[in-house]
Amino acid sequence: MLPRSDASVFTHGSVAPRNIMVGETNHITGILDWESAGWYPDYWEYANIMRPQYLCEDWQAWMDRTAPEKWDLTGIQASRRVLS
């Protein structure tokens, strides 16, 4: 049910507002909490970012504006409904 991916990429695995350090000039200065990092399918970070626990309107809107491409997450959403 997950999207097919031919690429594995090294990704943080837990990008969320609480893990992003921002400096006084509003530039990202660091990313914290790398314990979930690893080699995952190229859609993995986007799918994790859109988990319900992270969904607040500002965060989702920011991710929608900055995502390099849209992924078809209907399979992931369907599996979450079945497993919850």
Protein backbone atom coordinates (compact mmCIF):
# COMPACT_ATOMS: atom_id res chain seq x y z
CA MET A 1 0.00 0.00 0.00
CA LEU A 2 3.03 2.31 0.26
CA PRO A 3 4.26 4.34 -2.71
CA ARG A 4 6.95 2.63 -4.80
CA SER A 5 10.39 4.15 -4.58
CA ASP A 6 13.57 3.24 -6.41
CA ALA A 7 15.72 5.54 -4.28
CA SER A 8 16.92 5.34 -0.71
CA VAL A 9 18.17 8.52 0.88
CA PHE A 10 19.74 9.38 4.22
CA THR A 11 17.10 11.26 6.15
CA HIS A 12 16.58 12.69 9.62
CA GLY A 13 13.48 10.62 10.31
CA SER A 14 11.91 12.99 12.84
CA VAL A 15 11.72 16.50 11.43
CA ALA A 16 9.30 18.54 13.52
CA PRO A 17 9.24 22.11 14.82
CA ARG A 18 10.70 20.95 18.15
CA ASN A 19 13.81 19.62 16.36
CA ILE A 20 14.60 22.73 14.29
CA MET A 21 16.86 25.42 15.75
CA VAL A 22 16.24 28.91 14.40
CA GLY A 23 18.61 31.85 14.98
CA GLU A 24 17.85 35.47 15.71
CA THR A 25 17.73 36.27 11.98
CA ASN A 26 15.11 33.55 11.38
CA HIS A 27 17.53 31.22 9.58
CA ILE A 28 17.78 27.54 10.44
CA THR A 29 20.95 27.08 12.50
CA GLY A 30 20.67 23.40 13.33
CA ILE A 31 18.64 20.22 13.37
CA LEU A 32 18.39 18.23 16.61
CA ASP A 33 17.46 14.64 17.53
CA TRP A 34 19.13 12.45 14.91
CA GLU A 35 18.38 9.14 16.67
CA SER A 36 15.78 8.15 14.03
CA ALA A 37 18.08 8.98 11.10
CA GLY A 38 18.85 6.34 8.52
CA TRP A 39 18.47 5.20 4.92
CA TYR A 40 14.79 5.28 3.97
CA PRO A 41 12.69 5.51 0.77
CA ASP A 42 12.80 9.02 -0.64
CA TYR A 43 9.20 9.77 0.47
CA TRP A 44 9.82 8.75 4.11
CA GLU A 45 10.55 12.16 5.65
CA TYR A 46 7.53 13.75 3.98
CA ALA A 47 5.26 10.91 5.14
CA ASN A 48 6.55 11.23 8.72
CA ILE A 49 6.22 15.00 8.75
CA MET A 50 2.56 14.68 7.83
CA ARG A 51 1.80 12.34 10.76
CA PRO A 52 -1.26 13.49 12.71
CA GLN A 53 0.76 14.36 15.83
CA TYR A 54 2.62 17.04 13.85
CA LEU A 55 -0.36 18.48 12.05
CA CYS A 56 -1.00 22.01 13.11
CA GLU A 57 -2.14 24.46 10.49
CA ASP A 58 1.09 26.48 10.36
CA TRP A 59 3.36 23.40 10.13
CA GLN A 60 1.28 21.68 7.45
CA ALA A 61 0.99 24.89 5.40
CA TRP A 62 4.75 25.42 5.61
CA MET A 63 5.45 21.85 4.53
CA ASP A 64 2.97 22.12 1.66
CA ARG A 65 4.76 25.27 0.43
CA THR A 66 8.28 23.82 0.75
CA ALA A 67 7.81 20.19 -0.32
CA PRO A 68 9.85 19.45 -3.45
CA GLU A 69 7.06 17.26 -4.83
CA LYS A 70 3.76 15.83 -3.73
CA TRP A 71 3.55 12.16 -2.83
CA ASP A 72 0.50 9.98 -3.14
CA LEU A 73 0.00 9.07 0.52
CA THR A 74 -3.41 7.44 0.18
CA GLY A 75 -1.90 4.00 0.90
CA ILE A 76 -0.19 5.26 4.04
CA GLN A 77 -3.36 6.97 5.22
CA ALA A 78 -5.41 3.83 4.57
CA SER A 79 -2.96 1.66 6.51
CA ARG A 80 -3.06 4.08 9.45
CA ARG A 81 -6.86 3.84 9.52
CA VAL A 82 -6.66 0.06 9.58
CA LEU A 83 -3.96 -0.04 12.27
CA SER A 84 -5.48 2.58 14.59
